[in-house]
């Protein structure tokens, strides 16, 4: 039986190229998503063997999607696709449940091997990011735990994307008052008092990009 994959990537041309590459390798893409929320819905429905998640997606980024997918569909192996080689992104991805970290610039070479490695129960890292994991291990200083709840992380991402409180409330099906309460609580937890600082936090934690 061919390997069944879910592909989540918000750039259509990149998604099409990856799909062609995977199908050429004899695999089956059972669903395509342009954001994390859609990826979660498809994963629930189709139960893929492997989910390929871009880190930077609108509304619900790949790292938060990975966290939720690991809980909801634990048998699905998660591989992250990204342009980021920086240590915080790699560590966040592994902590979120990813068993593969593939750079988009190396996807044509790495992605098929990463999928087979993940299904064999091992972890695959693109060679260019391996040093980040080794450096973190040797330093003994992993990322500090994120104090935010999944809902708070989602709100942080949407704030960083420029959405207003009313827009966030409408998208998440919450009242404006509830969103405001979440915002107050998360800024208190982070000891952040300005939106610009909150945006920098979101970028640093891989929730969005500059």
N, C-alpha and C. Protein backbone atom coordinates (compact mmCIF):
# COMPACT_ATOMS: atom_id res chain seq x y z
N UNK A 1 0.84 -1.20 0.00
CA UNK A 1 0.00 0.00 0.00
C UNK A 1 0.88 1.25 0.00
N UNK A 2 0.54 2.23 -0.82
CA UNK A 2 1.33 3.47 -0.83
C UNK A 2 1.16 4.26 0.47
N UNK A 3 2.18 5.01 0.81
CA UNK A 3 2.13 5.85 2.01
C UNK A 3 1.14 6.99 1.79
N UNK A 4 0.28 7.22 2.79
CA UNK A 4 -0.77 8.23 2.70
C UNK A 4 -0.32 9.48 3.45
N UNK A 5 -0.36 10.62 2.75
CA UNK A 5 0.19 11.85 3.29
C UNK A 5 -0.83 12.98 3.33
N UNK A 6 -0.66 13.85 4.32
CA UNK A 6 -1.37 15.12 4.36
C UNK A 6 -0.34 16.23 4.15
N UNK A 7 -0.64 17.16 3.27
CA UNK A 7 0.29 18.24 2.94
C UNK A 7 -0.32 19.58 3.31
N UNK A 8 0.31 20.29 4.24
CA UNK A 8 -0.18 21.60 4.68
C UNK A 8 0.86 22.67 4.38
N UNK A 9 0.53 23.53 3.44
CA UNK A 9 1.45 24.57 2.96
C UNK A 9 0.61 25.67 2.33
N UNK A 10 0.81 26.92 2.74
CA UNK A 10 -0.09 27.98 2.28
C UNK A 10 0.28 28.54 0.91
N UNK A 11 1.45 28.21 0.37
CA UNK A 11 1.82 28.67 -0.97
C UNK A 11 1.45 27.59 -2.00
N UNK A 12 0.54 27.93 -2.89
CA UNK A 12 -0.01 26.94 -3.81
C UNK A 12 1.07 26.32 -4.69
N UNK A 13 1.97 27.12 -5.24
CA UNK A 13 2.99 26.59 -6.14
C UNK A 13 3.93 25.63 -5.41
N UNK A 14 4.29 25.98 -4.18
CA UNK A 14 5.14 25.09 -3.39
C UNK A 14 4.41 23.78 -3.11
N UNK A 15 3.14 23.90 -2.77
CA UNK A 15 2.33 22.71 -2.48
C UNK A 15 2.22 21.80 -3.71
N UNK A 16 2.02 22.40 -4.86
CA UNK A 16 1.91 21.62 -6.09
C UNK A 16 3.22 20.91 -6.41
N UNK A 17 4.33 21.62 -6.20
CA UNK A 17 5.63 21.02 -6.46
C UNK A 17 5.91 19.85 -5.53
N UNK A 18 5.57 20.01 -4.26
CA UNK A 18 5.77 18.93 -3.30
C UNK A 18 4.89 17.73 -3.63
N UNK A 19 3.65 18.02 -4.00
CA UNK A 19 2.74 16.92 -4.34
C UNK A 19 3.29 16.11 -5.52
N UNK A 20 3.77 16.81 -6.54
CA UNK A 20 4.32 16.11 -7.71
C UNK A 20 5.52 15.26 -7.31
N UNK A 21 6.37 15.79 -6.45
CA UNK A 21 7.54 15.06 -5.99
C UNK A 21 7.15 13.81 -5.21
N UNK A 22 6.17 13.94 -4.35
CA UNK A 22 5.73 12.82 -3.53
C UNK A 22 5.04 11.74 -4.37
N UNK A 23 4.21 12.17 -5.29
CA UNK A 23 3.51 11.20 -6.14
C UNK A 23 4.48 10.48 -7.06
N UNK A 24 5.52 11.17 -7.49
CA UNK A 24 6.54 10.54 -8.31
C UNK A 24 7.26 9.44 -7.53
N UNK A 25 7.32 9.61 -6.20
CA UNK A 25 7.95 8.60 -5.34
C UNK A 25 6.99 7.48 -4.96
N UNK A 26 5.77 7.50 -5.52
CA UNK A 26 4.82 6.43 -5.28
C UNK A 26 3.93 6.63 -4.07
N UNK A 27 3.92 7.83 -3.50
CA UNK A 27 3.09 8.11 -2.35
C UNK A 27 1.78 8.76 -2.77
N UNK A 28 0.82 8.81 -1.84
CA UNK A 28 -0.50 9.36 -2.14
C UNK A 28 -0.78 10.53 -1.20
N UNK A 29 -1.06 11.69 -1.76
CA UNK A 29 -1.46 12.85 -0.98
C UNK A 29 -2.97 12.81 -0.82
N UNK A 30 -3.43 12.50 0.38
CA UNK A 30 -4.88 12.32 0.59
C UNK A 30 -5.59 13.63 0.95
N UNK A 31 -4.80 14.69 1.17
CA UNK A 31 -5.41 15.98 1.49
C UNK A 31 -4.40 17.09 1.43
N UNK A 32 -4.85 18.27 1.03
CA UNK A 32 -4.01 19.46 0.99
C UNK A 32 -4.68 20.56 1.81
N UNK A 33 -3.89 21.28 2.59
CA UNK A 33 -4.42 22.35 3.42
C UNK A 33 -3.56 23.59 3.25
N UNK A 34 -4.20 24.77 3.39
CA UNK A 34 -3.48 26.04 3.27
C UNK A 34 -3.28 26.71 4.62
N UNK A 35 -3.85 26.11 5.69
CA UNK A 35 -3.62 26.64 7.04
C UNK A 35 -3.78 25.50 8.04
N UNK A 36 -3.38 25.77 9.28
CA UNK A 36 -3.37 24.72 10.28
C UNK A 36 -4.73 24.18 10.64
N UNK A 37 -5.71 25.04 10.70
CA UNK A 37 -7.06 24.59 11.06
C UNK A 37 -7.60 23.59 10.03
N UNK A 38 -7.37 23.90 8.77
CA UNK A 38 -7.80 22.98 7.71
C UNK A 38 -7.03 21.67 7.79
N UNK A 39 -5.75 21.74 8.10
CA UNK A 39 -4.94 20.54 8.22
C UNK A 39 -5.47 19.63 9.32
N UNK A 40 -5.87 20.21 10.45
CA UNK A 40 -6.42 19.41 11.54
C UNK A 40 -7.72 18.72 11.14
N UNK A 41 -8.57 19.44 10.42
CA UNK A 41 -9.84 18.84 9.97
C UNK A 41 -9.57 17.66 9.04
N UNK A 42 -8.66 17.84 8.12
CA UNK A 42 -8.34 16.77 7.17
C UNK A 42 -7.70 15.58 7.87
N UNK A 43 -6.86 15.86 8.86
CA UNK A 43 -6.21 14.77 9.59
C UNK A 43 -7.24 13.94 10.35
N UNK A 44 -8.21 14.60 10.96
CA UNK A 44 -9.28 13.88 11.67
C UNK A 44 -10.04 12.98 10.70
N UNK A 45 -10.31 13.50 9.51
CA UNK A 45 -11.12 12.76 8.55
C UNK A 45 -10.37 11.61 7.90
N UNK A 46 -9.12 11.85 7.51
CA UNK A 46 -8.40 10.88 6.67
C UNK A 46 -7.35 10.05 7.42
N UNK A 47 -6.98 10.45 8.63
CA UNK A 47 -6.01 9.69 9.41
C UNK A 47 -4.75 9.35 8.60
N UNK A 48 -4.03 10.34 8.13
CA UNK A 48 -2.85 10.07 7.29
C UNK A 48 -1.73 9.42 8.10
N UNK A 49 -0.85 8.73 7.40
CA UNK A 49 0.32 8.15 8.06
C UNK A 49 1.34 9.23 8.41
N UNK A 50 1.44 10.22 7.53
CA UNK A 50 2.40 11.29 7.72
C UNK A 50 1.74 12.63 7.38
N UNK A 51 2.02 13.64 8.20
CA UNK A 51 1.57 15.01 7.92
C UNK A 51 2.79 15.88 7.70
N UNK A 52 2.84 16.56 6.57
CA UNK A 52 3.91 17.50 6.25
C UNK A 52 3.37 18.90 6.50
N UNK A 53 3.96 19.61 7.46
CA UNK A 53 3.43 20.89 7.90
C UNK A 53 4.45 22.01 7.70
N UNK A 54 4.05 23.04 6.97
CA UNK A 54 4.85 24.26 6.92
C UNK A 54 4.76 24.93 8.28
N UNK A 55 5.86 25.52 8.74
CA UNK A 55 5.80 26.22 10.03
C UNK A 55 4.94 27.47 9.92
N UNK A 56 5.17 28.26 8.89
CA UNK A 56 4.50 29.56 8.78
C UNK A 56 3.26 29.43 7.93
N UNK A 57 2.10 29.34 8.60
CA UNK A 57 0.81 29.32 7.93
C UNK A 57 -0.09 30.31 8.62
N UNK A 58 -1.05 30.89 7.90
CA UNK A 58 -1.93 31.89 8.52
C UNK A 58 -2.85 31.27 9.56
N UNK A 59 -3.18 32.09 10.57
CA UNK A 59 -4.22 31.78 11.56
C UNK A 59 -3.80 30.72 12.59
N UNK A 60 -3.28 29.58 12.12
CA UNK A 60 -2.80 28.55 13.03
C UNK A 60 -1.51 28.00 12.42
N UNK A 61 -0.39 28.35 13.02
CA UNK A 61 0.91 27.99 12.43
C UNK A 61 1.20 26.50 12.57
N UNK A 62 2.26 26.07 11.89
CA UNK A 62 2.58 24.65 11.86
C UNK A 62 2.97 24.06 13.20
N UNK A 63 3.62 24.86 14.06
CA UNK A 63 4.02 24.34 15.36
C UNK A 63 2.81 24.07 16.25
N UNK A 64 1.85 25.00 16.26
CA UNK A 64 0.64 24.78 17.05
C UNK A 64 -0.18 23.65 16.44
N UNK A 65 -0.22 23.57 15.12
CA UNK A 65 -0.91 22.46 14.45
C UNK A 65 -0.29 21.13 14.87
N UNK A 66 1.04 21.09 14.93
CA UNK A 66 1.73 19.86 15.33
C UNK A 66 1.34 19.45 16.74
N UNK A 67 1.29 20.41 17.65
CA UNK A 67 0.91 20.10 19.04
C UNK A 67 -0.48 19.48 19.10
N UNK A 68 -1.40 20.08 18.39
CA UNK A 68 -2.79 19.60 18.43
C UNK A 68 -2.94 18.27 17.69
N UNK A 69 -2.20 18.14 16.60
CA UNK A 69 -2.27 16.91 15.82
C UNK A 69 -1.70 15.74 16.61
N UNK A 70 -0.65 15.97 17.36
CA UNK A 70 -0.04 14.91 18.16
C UNK A 70 -1.04 14.37 19.19
N UNK A 71 -1.87 15.25 19.72
CA UNK A 71 -2.88 14.82 20.70
C UNK A 71 -4.09 14.17 20.03
N UNK A 72 -4.51 14.74 18.91
CA UNK A 72 -5.76 14.29 18.28
C UNK A 72 -5.57 13.04 17.43
N UNK A 73 -4.45 12.96 16.72
CA UNK A 73 -4.19 11.81 15.83
C UNK A 73 -2.76 11.34 16.10
N UNK A 74 -2.51 10.73 17.24
CA UNK A 74 -1.14 10.43 17.66
C UNK A 74 -0.39 9.48 16.75
N UNK A 75 -1.11 8.67 15.96
CA UNK A 75 -0.42 7.73 15.08
C UNK A 75 0.19 8.40 13.85
N UNK A 76 -0.23 9.63 13.56
CA UNK A 76 0.30 10.35 12.40
C UNK A 76 1.69 10.91 12.72
N UNK A 77 2.65 10.58 11.87
CA UNK A 77 4.00 11.12 12.03
C UNK A 77 4.03 12.54 11.46
N UNK A 78 4.69 13.44 12.18
CA UNK A 78 4.69 14.85 11.79
C UNK A 78 6.08 15.25 11.30
N UNK A 79 6.12 15.82 10.11
CA UNK A 79 7.36 16.35 9.55
C UNK A 79 7.14 17.82 9.24
N UNK A 80 8.04 18.65 9.71
CA UNK A 80 7.95 20.09 9.50
C UNK A 80 8.73 20.49 8.26
N UNK A 81 8.14 21.35 7.46
CA UNK A 81 8.80 21.93 6.28
C UNK A 81 9.01 23.41 6.54
N UNK A 82 10.20 23.91 6.29
CA UNK A 82 10.45 25.30 6.64
C UNK A 82 11.69 25.84 5.94
N UNK A 83 11.83 27.18 5.98
CA UNK A 83 13.05 27.84 5.52
C UNK A 83 13.98 28.14 6.68
N UNK A 84 13.52 27.93 7.92
CA UNK A 84 14.25 28.37 9.10
C UNK A 84 15.29 27.35 9.56
N UNK A 85 16.52 27.80 9.72
CA UNK A 85 17.58 26.94 10.24
C UNK A 85 17.94 27.30 11.68
N UNK A 86 17.32 28.34 12.22
CA UNK A 86 17.69 28.81 13.56
C UNK A 86 17.30 27.81 14.64
N UNK A 87 18.14 27.74 15.67
CA UNK A 87 17.97 26.79 16.76
C UNK A 87 16.59 26.83 17.41
N UNK A 88 16.03 28.02 17.74
CA UNK A 88 14.71 28.02 18.41
C UNK A 88 13.62 27.33 17.60
N UNK A 89 13.63 27.49 16.28
CA UNK A 89 12.61 26.86 15.45
C UNK A 89 12.74 25.34 15.48
N UNK A 90 13.97 24.86 15.38
CA UNK A 90 14.20 23.42 15.38
C UNK A 90 13.74 22.82 16.70
N UNK A 91 14.15 23.44 17.80
CA UNK A 91 13.79 22.91 19.12
C UNK A 91 12.29 22.98 19.37
N UNK A 92 11.66 24.07 18.95
CA UNK A 92 10.20 24.19 19.11
C UNK A 92 9.49 23.09 18.33
N UNK A 93 9.96 22.82 17.13
CA UNK A 93 9.33 21.79 16.30
C UNK A 93 9.43 20.42 16.96
N UNK A 94 10.60 20.08 17.47
CA UNK A 94 10.79 18.79 18.12
C UNK A 94 9.95 18.70 19.40
N UNK A 95 9.89 19.79 20.16
CA UNK A 95 9.07 19.80 21.36
C UNK A 95 7.59 19.70 21.03
N UNK A 96 7.20 20.19 19.87
CA UNK A 96 5.79 20.15 19.46
C UNK A 96 5.37 18.77 18.97
N UNK A 97 6.34 17.88 18.74
CA UNK A 97 6.00 16.52 18.33
C UNK A 97 6.48 16.13 16.96
N UNK A 98 7.21 17.00 16.28
CA UNK A 98 7.72 16.66 14.95
C UNK A 98 8.81 15.60 15.06
N UNK A 99 8.81 14.67 14.12
CA UNK A 99 9.87 13.67 14.04
C UNK A 99 10.72 13.87 12.79
N UNK A 100 10.44 14.95 12.10
CA UNK A 100 11.24 15.32 10.93
C UNK A 100 11.27 16.82 10.79
N UNK A 101 12.42 17.35 10.37
CA UNK A 101 12.59 18.79 10.17
C UNK A 101 13.33 18.95 8.85
N UNK A 102 12.61 19.36 7.82
CA UNK A 102 13.15 19.41 6.46
C UNK A 102 13.14 20.84 5.94
N UNK A 103 14.28 21.29 5.48
CA UNK A 103 14.37 22.62 4.88
C UNK A 103 13.78 22.58 3.48
N UNK A 104 13.01 23.61 3.15
CA UNK A 104 12.40 23.65 1.82
C UNK A 104 13.44 23.66 0.72
N UNK A 105 14.58 24.28 0.98
CA UNK A 105 15.64 24.34 -0.04
C UNK A 105 16.22 22.96 -0.32
N UNK A 106 16.01 22.02 0.62
CA UNK A 106 16.54 20.67 0.47
C UNK A 106 15.43 19.63 0.29
N UNK A 107 14.21 20.09 0.12
CA UNK A 107 13.07 19.17 0.10
C UNK A 107 13.18 18.13 -1.00
N UNK A 108 13.64 18.54 -2.17
CA UNK A 108 13.74 17.60 -3.28
C UNK A 108 14.66 16.43 -2.96
N UNK A 109 15.67 16.70 -2.12
CA UNK A 109 16.63 15.67 -1.74
C UNK A 109 16.20 14.93 -0.49
N UNK A 110 15.65 15.68 0.48
CA UNK A 110 15.43 15.14 1.83
C UNK A 110 14.06 14.56 2.11
N UNK A 111 13.02 15.06 1.43
CA UNK A 111 11.67 14.79 1.92
C UNK A 111 11.29 13.31 1.89
N UNK A 112 11.64 12.60 0.82
CA UNK A 112 11.27 11.18 0.73
C UNK A 112 12.00 10.38 1.81
N UNK A 113 13.28 10.66 1.99
CA UNK A 113 14.04 9.98 3.04
C UNK A 113 13.48 10.30 4.42
N UNK A 114 13.07 11.57 4.63
CA UNK A 114 12.50 11.95 5.92
C UNK A 114 11.22 11.17 6.22
N UNK A 115 10.40 10.99 5.22
CA UNK A 115 9.14 10.24 5.40
C UNK A 115 9.42 8.79 5.78
N UNK A 116 10.31 8.14 5.06
CA UNK A 116 10.63 6.74 5.37
C UNK A 116 11.27 6.61 6.75
N UNK A 117 12.13 7.57 7.09
CA UNK A 117 12.78 7.55 8.41
C UNK A 117 11.74 7.69 9.52
N UNK A 118 10.79 8.61 9.35
CA UNK A 118 9.75 8.82 10.35
C UNK A 118 8.90 7.57 10.54
N UNK A 119 8.56 6.91 9.46
CA UNK A 119 7.72 5.71 9.54
C UNK A 119 8.47 4.53 10.15
N UNK A 120 9.79 4.62 10.16
CA UNK A 120 10.60 3.58 10.80
C UNK A 120 10.80 3.86 12.29
N UNK A 121 10.22 4.98 12.76
CA UNK A 121 10.29 5.30 14.16
C UNK A 121 11.49 6.11 14.58
N UNK A 122 12.19 6.70 13.61
CA UNK A 122 13.36 7.52 13.91
C UNK A 122 13.08 8.98 13.57
N UNK A 123 14.04 9.84 13.92
CA UNK A 123 13.92 11.27 13.66
C UNK A 123 14.84 11.65 12.51
N UNK A 124 14.31 12.49 11.59
CA UNK A 124 15.13 12.95 10.47
C UNK A 124 15.27 14.47 10.53
N UNK A 125 16.50 14.95 10.44
CA UNK A 125 16.79 16.38 10.37
C UNK A 125 17.59 16.66 9.11
N UNK A 126 17.22 17.69 8.38
CA UNK A 126 18.06 18.11 7.27
C UNK A 126 19.46 18.40 7.80
N UNK A 127 20.49 17.99 7.07
CA UNK A 127 21.86 18.15 7.58
C UNK A 127 22.20 19.56 8.04
N UNK A 128 21.64 20.57 7.40
CA UNK A 128 21.99 21.95 7.76
C UNK A 128 21.48 22.37 9.13
N UNK A 129 20.52 21.64 9.70
CA UNK A 129 20.00 22.02 11.02
C UNK A 129 20.46 21.08 12.13
N UNK A 130 21.14 20.01 11.76
CA UNK A 130 21.60 19.07 12.78
C UNK A 130 22.47 19.74 13.82
N UNK A 131 23.33 20.68 13.36
CA UNK A 131 24.24 21.35 14.29
C UNK A 131 23.49 22.14 15.35
N UNK A 132 22.28 22.65 15.00
CA UNK A 132 21.49 23.41 15.97
C UNK A 132 21.06 22.53 17.14
N UNK A 133 20.65 21.30 16.84
CA UNK A 133 20.23 20.38 17.89
C UNK A 133 21.43 19.96 18.74
N UNK A 134 22.55 19.67 18.08
CA UNK A 134 23.76 19.27 18.81
C UNK A 134 24.21 20.41 19.73
N UNK A 135 24.19 21.63 19.21
CA UNK A 135 24.62 22.78 20.00
C UNK A 135 23.71 22.96 21.22
N UNK A 136 22.40 22.79 21.02
CA UNK A 136 21.46 22.94 22.14
C UNK A 136 21.69 21.85 23.19
N UNK A 137 21.97 20.63 22.71
CA UNK A 137 22.22 19.53 23.64
C UNK A 137 23.48 19.78 24.46
N UNK A 138 24.55 20.22 23.77
CA UNK A 138 25.81 20.46 24.46
C UNK A 138 25.73 21.62 25.44
N UNK A 139 24.92 22.63 25.08
CA UNK A 139 24.81 23.79 25.96
C UNK A 139 23.94 23.49 27.17
N UNK A 140 23.08 22.48 27.04
CA UNK A 140 22.19 22.13 28.14
C UNK A 140 21.16 23.20 28.42
N UNK A 141 20.87 24.03 27.42
CA UNK A 141 19.95 25.16 27.63
C UNK A 141 18.84 25.14 26.58
N UNK A 142 17.89 24.22 26.70
CA UNK A 142 16.76 24.21 25.76
C UNK A 142 15.88 25.44 25.94
N UNK A 143 14.97 25.63 25.00
CA UNK A 143 14.05 26.75 25.11
C UNK A 143 13.25 26.67 26.41
N UNK A 144 13.00 27.79 27.06
CA UNK A 144 12.15 27.76 28.24
C UNK A 144 10.73 27.36 27.83
N UNK A 145 10.00 26.70 28.72
CA UNK A 145 8.64 26.28 28.37
C UNK A 145 7.75 27.47 28.07
N UNK A 146 6.84 27.28 27.13
CA UNK A 146 5.91 28.33 26.76
C UNK A 146 4.80 28.37 27.82
N UNK A 147 4.60 29.51 28.48
CA UNK A 147 3.59 29.58 29.53
C UNK A 147 2.17 29.71 29.01
N UNK A 148 2.00 29.88 27.71
CA UNK A 148 0.68 30.16 27.15
C UNK A 148 -0.10 28.89 26.86
N UNK A 149 -1.41 29.01 26.91
CA UNK A 149 -2.29 27.92 26.50
C UNK A 149 -2.38 27.91 24.97
N UNK A 150 -2.86 26.80 24.39
CA UNK A 150 -3.03 26.78 22.93
C UNK A 150 -3.89 27.94 22.41
N UNK A 151 -4.97 28.26 23.12
CA UNK A 151 -5.83 29.36 22.68
C UNK A 151 -5.07 30.68 22.73
N UNK A 152 -4.28 30.89 23.78
CA UNK A 152 -3.52 32.12 23.89
C UNK A 152 -2.46 32.23 22.79
N UNK A 153 -1.82 31.10 22.45
CA UNK A 153 -0.85 31.13 21.35
C UNK A 153 -1.52 31.48 20.03
N UNK A 154 -2.73 30.96 19.83
CA UNK A 154 -3.46 31.26 18.61
C UNK A 154 -3.79 32.75 18.54
N UNK A 155 -4.19 33.31 19.65
CA UNK A 155 -4.51 34.75 19.70
C UNK A 155 -3.25 35.58 19.47
N UNK A 156 -2.13 35.18 20.07
CA UNK A 156 -0.87 35.89 19.83
C UNK A 156 -0.54 35.91 18.34
N UNK A 157 -0.68 34.77 17.68
CA UNK A 157 -0.38 34.72 16.26
C UNK A 157 -1.27 35.67 15.48
N UNK A 158 -2.55 35.68 15.80
CA UNK A 158 -3.46 36.54 15.06
C UNK A 158 -3.19 38.02 15.33
N UNK A 159 -2.81 38.35 16.56
CA UNK A 159 -2.43 39.74 16.86
C UNK A 159 -1.20 40.11 16.03
N UNK A 160 -0.22 39.21 15.99
CA UNK A 160 1.00 39.47 15.24
C UNK A 160 0.74 39.60 13.75
N UNK A 161 -0.32 38.94 13.26
CA UNK A 161 -0.69 39.04 11.85
C UNK A 161 -1.48 40.31 11.56
N UNK A 162 -1.77 41.09 12.61
CA UNK A 162 -2.43 42.37 12.41
C UNK A 162 -3.94 42.37 12.56
N UNK A 163 -4.51 41.27 13.05
CA UNK A 163 -5.95 41.22 13.21
C UNK A 163 -6.38 42.03 14.44
N UNK A 164 -7.54 42.67 14.33
CA UNK A 164 -8.10 43.41 15.45
C UNK A 164 -8.80 42.45 16.41
N UNK A 165 -9.13 42.94 17.58
CA UNK A 165 -9.83 42.11 18.57
C UNK A 165 -11.16 41.61 18.01
N UNK A 166 -11.88 42.48 17.30
CA UNK A 166 -13.17 42.07 16.71
C UNK A 166 -12.97 40.99 15.66
N UNK A 167 -11.94 41.12 14.85
CA UNK A 167 -11.67 40.12 13.81
C UNK A 167 -11.28 38.77 14.43
N UNK A 168 -10.48 38.82 15.47
CA UNK A 168 -10.09 37.58 16.15
C UNK A 168 -11.31 36.90 16.75
N UNK A 169 -12.15 37.69 17.40
CA UNK A 169 -13.36 37.14 18.01
C UNK A 169 -14.24 36.48 16.96
N UNK A 170 -14.39 37.14 15.82
CA UNK A 170 -15.24 36.58 14.75
C UNK A 170 -14.66 35.28 14.20
N UNK A 171 -13.36 35.24 13.98
CA UNK A 171 -12.72 34.05 13.42
C UNK A 171 -12.77 32.87 14.38
N UNK A 172 -12.64 33.12 15.66
CA UNK A 172 -12.57 32.05 16.65
C UNK A 172 -13.91 31.72 17.29
N UNK A 173 -14.93 32.47 16.93
CA UNK A 173 -16.25 32.22 17.51
C UNK A 173 -16.33 32.59 18.98
N UNK A 174 -15.59 33.63 19.37
CA UNK A 174 -15.57 34.08 20.76
C UNK A 174 -16.17 35.48 20.84
N UNK A 175 -16.50 35.88 22.06
CA UNK A 175 -16.94 37.26 22.25
C UNK A 175 -15.73 38.17 22.29
N UNK A 176 -15.95 39.45 21.97
CA UNK A 176 -14.86 40.42 22.05
C UNK A 176 -14.30 40.48 23.46
N UNK A 177 -15.19 40.40 24.44
CA UNK A 177 -14.77 40.45 25.84
C UNK A 177 -13.85 39.28 26.18
N UNK A 178 -14.16 38.10 25.66
CA UNK A 178 -13.32 36.92 25.93
C UNK A 178 -11.94 37.08 25.31
N UNK A 179 -11.89 37.60 24.09
CA UNK A 179 -10.61 37.81 23.43
C UNK A 179 -9.79 38.84 24.19
N UNK A 180 -10.44 39.89 24.63
CA UNK A 180 -9.74 40.92 25.41
C UNK A 180 -9.19 40.33 26.70
N UNK A 181 -9.96 39.44 27.33
CA UNK A 181 -9.52 38.80 28.56
C UNK A 181 -8.29 37.92 28.30
N UNK A 182 -8.34 37.16 27.20
CA UNK A 182 -7.19 36.33 26.83
C UNK A 182 -5.96 37.20 26.59
N UNK A 183 -6.16 38.30 25.90
CA UNK A 183 -5.04 39.19 25.59
C UNK A 183 -4.41 39.76 26.86
N UNK A 184 -5.24 40.19 27.78
CA UNK A 184 -4.74 40.72 29.06
C UNK A 184 -3.96 39.64 29.81
N UNK A 185 -4.52 38.44 29.86
CA UNK A 185 -3.88 37.36 30.62
C UNK A 185 -2.55 36.96 30.00
N UNK A 186 -2.50 36.84 28.66
CA UNK A 186 -1.26 36.39 28.03
C UNK A 186 -0.16 37.44 28.15
N UNK A 187 -0.54 38.71 28.06
CA UNK A 187 0.47 39.76 28.20
C UNK A 187 0.98 39.84 29.64
N UNK A 188 0.10 39.53 30.58
CA UNK A 188 0.53 39.49 31.98
C UNK A 188 1.50 38.33 32.20
N UNK A 189 1.17 37.17 31.65
CA UNK A 189 2.04 36.00 31.79
C UNK A 189 3.43 36.26 31.22
N UNK A 190 3.45 36.96 30.08
CA UNK A 190 4.72 37.19 29.38
C UNK A 190 5.44 38.44 29.87
N UNK A 191 4.77 39.20 30.74
CA UNK A 191 5.30 40.48 31.20
C UNK A 191 5.61 41.39 30.00
N UNK A 192 4.66 41.43 29.09
CA UNK A 192 4.76 42.26 27.88
C UNK A 192 3.67 43.32 27.95
N UNK A 193 4.02 44.55 27.58
CA UNK A 193 3.07 45.65 27.74
C UNK A 193 2.80 46.40 26.44
N UNK A 194 3.46 46.00 25.35
CA UNK A 194 3.26 46.68 24.06
C UNK A 194 3.06 45.64 22.97
N UNK A 195 2.23 46.00 22.00
CA UNK A 195 1.95 45.07 20.90
C UNK A 195 3.22 44.76 20.12
N UNK A 196 4.09 45.75 19.92
CA UNK A 196 5.32 45.52 19.15
C UNK A 196 6.18 44.46 19.82
N UNK A 197 6.25 44.48 21.15
CA UNK A 197 7.01 43.47 21.88
C UNK A 197 6.36 42.10 21.76
N UNK A 198 5.03 42.08 21.75
CA UNK A 198 4.30 40.83 21.58
C UNK A 198 4.57 40.23 20.20
N UNK A 199 4.65 41.08 19.19
CA UNK A 199 4.95 40.60 17.84
C UNK A 199 6.35 39.98 17.80
N UNK A 200 7.31 40.63 18.45
CA UNK A 200 8.67 40.08 18.49
C UNK A 200 8.69 38.73 19.20
N UNK A 201 7.89 38.59 20.25
CA UNK A 201 7.77 37.31 20.94
C UNK A 201 7.23 36.25 19.98
N UNK A 202 6.20 36.60 19.23
CA UNK A 202 5.59 35.65 18.30
C UNK A 202 6.59 35.19 17.24
N UNK A 203 7.41 36.10 16.76
CA UNK A 203 8.43 35.76 15.76
C UNK A 203 9.48 34.84 16.38
N UNK A 204 9.91 35.17 17.58
CA UNK A 204 10.95 34.39 18.26
C UNK A 204 10.49 32.98 18.55
N UNK A 205 9.19 32.79 18.87
CA UNK A 205 8.67 31.47 19.20
C UNK A 205 8.18 30.72 17.97
N UNK A 206 8.36 31.29 16.78
CA UNK A 206 7.97 30.59 15.56
C UNK A 206 6.49 30.63 15.28
N UNK A 207 5.75 31.56 15.91
CA UNK A 207 4.31 31.65 15.68
C UNK A 207 4.00 32.40 14.39
N UNK A 208 4.90 33.26 13.97
CA UNK A 208 4.72 34.01 12.73
C UNK A 208 6.10 34.47 12.29
N UNK A 209 6.15 35.19 11.16
CA UNK A 209 7.42 35.72 10.67
C UNK A 209 7.35 37.23 10.55
N UNK A 210 8.50 37.83 10.48
CA UNK A 210 8.54 39.30 10.35
C UNK A 210 7.99 39.74 9.00
